[in-house]
């Protein structure tokens, strides 16, 4: 039960982040000028951007409730597993911080640094929900011995690079630097990296450079894991998915510029970036020695349910 609930939280958080991306790409961040209500109403007429902004708020409220509920379930059934308990409580704290940052974006009228921090925190929270999904399953279910630190040392730097790229994309979006280089690819306004054309160009070029770095790093990691005798079949499957995702992501990034930032392409681009982040985080937990099962005593109801899941 706890594991299924954790998976539901992962899916809900992914949906929430997609709606957050829609809010920014449609410039709907101030469609509801007040907070937490929208023009003084809980359910306003969903027009003029409110269909994006207020839906984002409602999904956020659902994720908040889901996070608190998961923490309560962990306290009730799995409190003997201290790392899991700390992670669950941490998720509840982080989702509150995230909600407050969302409020600040409205109250302060969308300063880029608050909006970017909001996305950076959301990305960290999403990684924590993925962690909870793995821990609620792996720490009860028997599995093959984890491959250990050698593979993890390859994955962690790549994960950090992917996270940096997600944040760089947020900064580019919230500083309106998406077309700072016009439609020029691979150059920027006719230069490799123009140094005298303003901060927006530098923000845009940083996102491009990080995109290339992430693409090469993920492809290298995927090939490395595929050849490694230490990598489990599950880890190799995740590596394959990550390789496909990063190739598609780079292609979408190019199309976003060439097609003048159409909404569907931008939405898929940001969503796939988050999916790539989840894949790399998952690779880390599959390869992590801490993913190995531990003896966690639990009350009879949860033990019974978990046993059913393992047998299945």
Protein backbone atom coordinates (compact mmCIF):
# COMPACT_ATOMS: atom_id res chain seq x y z
CA UNK A 1 0.00 0.00 0.00
CA UNK A 2 2.74 2.47 0.91
CA UNK A 3 4.65 1.64 -2.28
CA UNK A 4 1.59 2.13 -4.50
CA UNK A 5 0.86 5.41 -2.79
CA UNK A 6 4.44 6.55 -3.41
CA UNK A 7 4.10 5.73 -7.12
CA UNK A 8 0.87 7.75 -7.25
CA UNK A 9 2.75 10.68 -5.72
CA UNK A 10 5.44 10.43 -8.42
CA UNK A 11 2.82 10.52 -11.18
CA UNK A 12 0.93 13.39 -9.55
CA UNK A 13 4.12 15.41 -9.15
CA UNK A 14 5.02 14.84 -12.80
CA UNK A 15 1.59 16.11 -13.86
CA UNK A 16 1.96 19.10 -11.54
CA UNK A 17 5.29 20.04 -13.09
CA UNK A 18 3.84 19.78 -16.60
CA UNK A 19 1.11 22.24 -15.62
CA UNK A 20 3.75 24.48 -14.09
CA UNK A 21 5.56 24.51 -17.42
CA UNK A 22 2.32 25.36 -19.20
CA UNK A 23 1.78 28.30 -16.85
CA UNK A 24 5.13 29.82 -17.77
CA UNK A 25 5.08 29.03 -21.50
CA UNK A 26 1.58 30.52 -21.88
CA UNK A 27 2.48 33.56 -19.72
CA UNK A 28 -0.38 32.71 -17.37
CA UNK A 29 1.51 33.24 -14.11
CA UNK A 30 -0.60 36.27 -13.17
CA UNK A 31 -3.89 35.08 -14.64
CA UNK A 32 -4.93 34.73 -11.00
CA UNK A 33 -3.66 37.96 -9.40
CA UNK A 34 -4.30 36.81 -5.83
CA UNK A 35 -3.32 33.75 -3.81
CA UNK A 36 -4.44 31.16 -2.73
CA UNK A 37 -7.80 31.97 -4.34
CA UNK A 38 -8.22 33.16 -7.91
CA UNK A 39 -9.98 36.51 -8.11
CA UNK A 40 -11.48 35.68 -4.74
CA UNK A 41 -12.93 32.37 -5.92
CA UNK A 42 -12.06 28.75 -5.38
CA UNK A 43 -13.38 27.80 -8.83
CA UNK A 44 -13.23 30.81 -11.17
CA UNK A 45 -14.21 30.74 -14.80
CA UNK A 46 -11.37 28.94 -16.55
CA UNK A 47 -10.52 31.48 -19.27
CA UNK A 48 -7.70 33.90 -20.12
CA UNK A 49 -4.95 31.73 -18.70
CA UNK A 50 -6.82 30.69 -15.56
CA UNK A 51 -7.27 27.24 -17.07
CA UNK A 52 -3.51 26.81 -16.72
CA UNK A 53 -2.69 28.79 -13.57
CA UNK A 54 -5.61 27.70 -11.41
CA UNK A 55 -5.42 24.07 -12.55
CA UNK A 56 -1.75 24.17 -11.56
CA UNK A 57 -2.79 25.38 -8.10
CA UNK A 58 -5.45 22.69 -7.71
CA UNK A 59 -3.04 19.93 -8.75
CA UNK A 60 -0.49 21.40 -6.32
CA UNK A 61 -3.06 21.16 -3.53
CA UNK A 62 -3.64 17.52 -4.44
CA UNK A 63 0.11 16.81 -4.40
CA UNK A 64 0.40 18.51 -1.01
CA UNK A 65 -2.34 16.27 0.38
CA UNK A 66 -0.74 13.20 -1.22
CA UNK A 67 2.64 14.02 0.29
CA UNK A 68 1.21 14.49 3.78
CA UNK A 69 -0.79 11.27 3.42
CA UNK A 70 2.29 9.30 2.34
CA UNK A 71 4.19 10.63 5.34
CA UNK A 72 1.34 9.54 7.60
CA UNK A 73 1.39 6.05 6.06
CA UNK A 74 5.14 5.77 6.56
CA UNK A 75 4.78 6.87 10.19
CA UNK A 76 2.02 4.31 10.74
CA UNK A 77 3.47 1.31 8.93
CA UNK A 78 7.19 1.87 8.32
CA UNK A 79 8.49 4.15 11.07
CA UNK A 80 11.13 1.55 12.02
CA UNK A 81 12.83 2.31 8.69
CA UNK A 82 14.44 5.58 9.73
CA UNK A 83 15.91 6.65 6.34
CA UNK A 84 12.50 6.15 4.73
CA UNK A 85 10.82 8.11 7.52
CA UNK A 86 13.28 11.00 7.17
CA UNK A 87 12.76 11.06 3.38
CA UNK A 88 8.97 11.09 3.76
CA UNK A 89 9.03 13.91 6.30
CA UNK A 90 11.51 15.77 4.11
CA UNK A 91 9.13 15.49 1.16
CA UNK A 92 6.31 17.01 3.20
CA UNK A 93 8.54 19.88 4.29
CA UNK A 94 9.80 20.46 0.76
CA UNK A 95 6.32 20.52 -0.74
CA UNK A 96 5.31 23.23 1.76
CA UNK A 97 8.39 25.25 0.78
CA UNK A 98 7.40 24.74 -2.84
CA UNK A 99 3.87 26.01 -2.19
CA UNK A 100 5.25 29.12 -0.48
CA UNK A 101 7.56 29.78 -3.42
CA UNK A 102 4.55 29.46 -5.71
CA UNK A 103 2.75 32.06 -3.62
CA UNK A 104 5.77 34.38 -3.80
CA UNK A 105 5.82 34.22 -7.59
CA UNK A 106 2.33 35.74 -7.57
CA UNK A 107 2.77 38.18 -4.69
CA UNK A 108 6.07 39.52 -6.09
CA UNK A 109 4.75 39.51 -9.67
CA UNK A 110 6.92 36.80 -11.21
CA UNK A 111 10.53 37.80 -10.52
CA UNK A 112 12.70 35.46 -12.56
CA UNK A 113 14.80 34.34 -9.59
CA UNK A 114 11.76 33.28 -7.56
CA UNK A 115 10.18 31.49 -10.53
CA UNK A 116 13.46 29.72 -11.29
CA UNK A 117 13.91 28.71 -7.64
CA UNK A 118 10.34 27.42 -7.71
CA UNK A 119 11.23 25.12 -10.61
CA UNK A 120 14.55 24.07 -9.06
CA UNK A 121 12.76 23.10 -5.85
CA UNK A 122 10.07 21.27 -7.81
CA UNK A 123 12.76 19.26 -9.59
CA UNK A 124 14.38 18.33 -6.27
CA UNK A 125 10.99 17.38 -4.83
CA UNK A 126 10.29 15.19 -7.86
CA UNK A 127 13.59 13.37 -7.30
CA UNK A 128 12.61 12.83 -3.67
CA UNK A 129 9.27 11.29 -4.70
CA UNK A 130 11.13 8.93 -7.05
CA UNK A 131 13.41 8.04 -4.15
CA UNK A 132 10.41 7.29 -1.94
CA UNK A 133 8.94 5.05 -4.64
CA UNK A 134 12.17 3.07 -4.80
CA UNK A 135 12.69 2.87 -1.06
CA UNK A 136 9.16 1.76 -0.24
CA UNK A 137 9.64 -1.15 -2.65
CA UNK A 138 13.32 -2.03 -2.51
CA UNK A 139 13.72 -1.91 1.23
CA UNK A 140 11.08 -4.63 1.63
CA UNK A 141 11.43 -6.71 -1.52
CA UNK A 142 14.22 -9.28 -2.00
CA UNK A 143 16.38 -8.45 -5.02
CA UNK A 144 19.74 -9.25 -6.53
CA UNK A 145 22.74 -7.70 -4.83
CA UNK A 146 23.21 -4.06 -5.88
CA UNK A 147 26.24 -3.44 -8.11
CA UNK A 148 27.73 -0.98 -5.63
CA UNK A 149 29.76 2.18 -5.79
CA UNK A 150 31.72 1.88 -9.09
CA UNK A 151 28.61 2.43 -11.20
CA UNK A 152 27.13 4.95 -8.80
CA UNK A 153 30.23 7.11 -9.15
CA UNK A 154 29.48 7.39 -12.86
CA UNK A 155 25.80 8.14 -12.41
CA UNK A 156 25.93 10.86 -9.74
CA UNK A 157 27.93 13.45 -11.78
CA UNK A 158 25.62 12.93 -14.76
CA UNK A 159 22.60 13.40 -12.50
CA UNK A 160 24.09 16.67 -11.26
CA UNK A 161 24.61 17.80 -14.84
CA UNK A 162 21.01 16.97 -15.78
CA UNK A 163 19.74 18.90 -12.75
CA UNK A 164 21.86 21.92 -13.69
CA UNK A 165 20.44 21.81 -17.21
CA UNK A 166 16.85 21.69 -15.95
CA UNK A 167 17.51 24.74 -13.77
CA UNK A 168 19.29 26.52 -16.65
CA UNK A 169 16.24 25.88 -18.81
CA UNK A 170 14.04 27.42 -16.13
CA UNK A 171 16.24 30.52 -15.91
CA UNK A 172 16.15 30.86 -19.70
CA UNK A 173 12.37 30.56 -19.75
CA UNK A 174 11.78 33.02 -16.92
CA UNK A 175 14.23 35.59 -18.29
CA UNK A 176 12.54 35.30 -21.72
CA UNK A 177 15.82 34.31 -23.34
CA UNK A 178 14.40 31.48 -25.45
CA UNK A 179 14.92 33.35 -28.72
CA UNK A 180 17.84 35.53 -27.63
CA UNK A 181 19.84 34.02 -30.49
CA UNK A 182 17.00 34.34 -32.96
CA UNK A 183 16.62 31.31 -35.21
CA UNK A 184 20.37 30.86 -35.61
CA UNK A 185 21.69 27.33 -35.04
CA UNK A 186 24.29 26.20 -34.16
CA UNK A 187 25.65 29.76 -34.02
CA UNK A 188 24.09 32.62 -32.07
CA UNK A 189 23.37 35.75 -34.11
CA UNK A 190 26.20 34.79 -36.44
CA UNK A 191 28.80 34.18 -33.72
CA UNK A 192 29.93 31.16 -31.76
CA UNK A 193 29.10 32.92 -28.48
CA UNK A 194 28.55 36.69 -28.81
CA UNK A 195 29.95 38.38 -25.72
CA UNK A 196 28.52 41.87 -26.28
CA UNK A 197 24.81 41.25 -26.84
CA UNK A 198 23.41 41.24 -23.32
CA UNK A 199 22.70 38.80 -20.51
CA UNK A 200 19.85 37.02 -22.30
CA UNK A 201 22.29 35.72 -24.91
CA UNK A 202 24.58 34.33 -22.21
CA UNK A 203 21.65 32.62 -20.47
CA UNK A 204 20.55 31.09 -23.77
CA UNK A 205 24.05 29.94 -24.72
CA UNK A 206 24.62 28.43 -21.29
CA UNK A 207 21.50 26.32 -21.81
CA UNK A 208 22.77 25.23 -25.22
CA UNK A 209 26.22 24.31 -23.93
CA UNK A 210 24.77 22.39 -21.00
CA UNK A 211 22.41 20.64 -23.42
CA UNK A 212 25.34 19.36 -25.47
CA UNK A 213 27.18 18.36 -22.30
CA UNK A 214 24.14 16.49 -20.96
CA UNK A 215 23.64 14.74 -24.30
CA UNK A 216 27.22 13.51 -24.45
CA UNK A 217 27.30 12.58 -20.75
CA UNK A 218 24.07 10.57 -20.86
CA UNK A 219 25.10 8.74 -24.03
CA UNK A 220 28.50 7.95 -22.50
CA UNK A 221 26.84 6.75 -19.29
CA UNK A 222 24.35 4.60 -21.18
CA UNK A 223 27.10 2.96 -23.25
CA UNK A 224 29.24 2.49 -20.16
CA UNK A 225 26.47 0.81 -18.21
CA UNK A 226 25.44 -1.34 -21.15
CA UNK A 227 28.95 -2.77 -21.41
CA UNK A 228 29.49 -3.16 -17.67
CA UNK A 229 29.19 -6.67 -16.20
CA UNK A 230 28.20 -5.02 -12.91
CA UNK A 231 25.05 -3.47 -14.34
CA UNK A 232 21.82 -5.35 -13.73
CA UNK A 233 19.29 -5.88 -16.55
CA UNK A 234 17.04 -3.25 -14.95
CA UNK A 235 19.87 -0.73 -14.91
CA UNK A 236 20.69 -1.45 -18.56
CA UNK A 237 17.04 -0.91 -19.53
CA UNK A 238 17.01 2.44 -17.74
CA UNK A 239 20.26 3.36 -19.52
CA UNK A 240 18.69 2.57 -22.90
CA UNK A 241 15.65 4.69 -22.09
CA UNK A 242 17.85 7.56 -20.96
CA UNK A 243 19.83 7.43 -24.22
CA UNK A 244 16.65 7.58 -26.30
CA UNK A 245 15.23 10.36 -24.11
CA UNK A 246 18.31 12.57 -24.36
CA UNK A 247 18.50 12.24 -28.16
CA UNK A 248 14.82 13.20 -28.44
CA UNK A 249 15.36 16.01 -25.95
CA UNK A 250 18.20 17.58 -27.93
CA UNK A 251 16.15 17.30 -31.14
CA UNK A 252 13.18 18.97 -29.45
CA UNK A 253 15.39 21.76 -28.15
CA UNK A 254 16.51 22.47 -31.71
CA UNK A 255 12.93 22.39 -32.99
CA UNK A 256 11.77 24.79 -30.26
CA UNK A 257 14.12 27.41 -31.73
CA UNK A 258 13.58 26.62 -35.42
CA UNK A 259 9.79 26.56 -35.03
CA UNK A 260 9.66 29.77 -32.96
CA UNK A 261 8.76 28.13 -29.65
CA UNK A 262 5.37 26.50 -30.39
CA UNK A 263 3.49 25.57 -27.21
CA UNK A 264 3.18 21.78 -27.85
CA UNK A 265 6.90 21.44 -28.64
CA UNK A 266 7.95 23.48 -25.60
CA UNK A 267 5.64 21.46 -23.36
CA UNK A 268 7.00 18.13 -24.62
CA UNK A 269 10.56 19.48 -24.33
CA UNK A 270 10.17 20.47 -20.67
CA UNK A 271 8.25 17.28 -19.81
CA UNK A 272 10.84 15.04 -21.44
CA UNK A 273 13.58 16.88 -19.56
CA UNK A 274 11.84 16.01 -16.31
CA UNK A 275 11.40 12.40 -17.45
CA UNK A 276 15.13 12.21 -18.22
CA UNK A 277 15.84 13.52 -14.72
CA UNK A 278 13.63 10.79 -13.25
CA UNK A 279 15.42 8.13 -15.32
CA UNK A 280 18.86 9.22 -14.13
CA UNK A 281 17.70 9.38 -10.50
CA UNK A 282 16.21 5.90 -10.91
CA UNK A 283 19.48 4.63 -12.33
CA UNK A 284 21.22 5.92 -9.22
CA UNK A 285 18.92 4.05 -6.89
CA UNK A 286 19.03 0.83 -8.90
CA UNK A 287 22.84 0.95 -8.75
CA UNK A 288 23.03 2.13 -5.15
CA UNK A 289 24.19 -0.25 -2.41
CA UNK A 290 21.58 1.38 -0.15
CA UNK A 291 18.93 -0.09 -2.43
CA UNK A 292 19.67 -3.54 -1.05
CA UNK A 293 16.85 -4.94 1.12
CA UNK A 294 16.95 -4.38 4.85
CA UNK A 295 15.04 -6.11 7.59
CA UNK A 296 12.26 -3.69 8.50
CA UNK A 297 9.77 -4.97 11.07
CA UNK A 298 6.29 -3.74 10.33
CA UNK A 299 2.83 -4.15 11.81
CA UNK A 300 0.85 -7.11 10.54
CA UNK A 301 -1.45 -5.23 8.09
CA UNK A 302 1.41 -3.61 6.17
CA UNK A 303 3.57 -6.73 6.30
CA UNK A 304 0.74 -8.70 4.75
CA UNK A 305 0.22 -6.18 1.98
CA UNK A 306 3.93 -5.90 1.23
CA UNK A 307 4.27 -9.65 1.15
CA UNK A 308 1.48 -9.82 -1.40
CA UNK A 309 3.27 -7.24 -3.56
CA UNK A 310 6.55 -9.14 -3.44
CA UNK A 311 4.90 -12.42 -4.30
CA UNK A 312 3.15 -10.77 -7.20
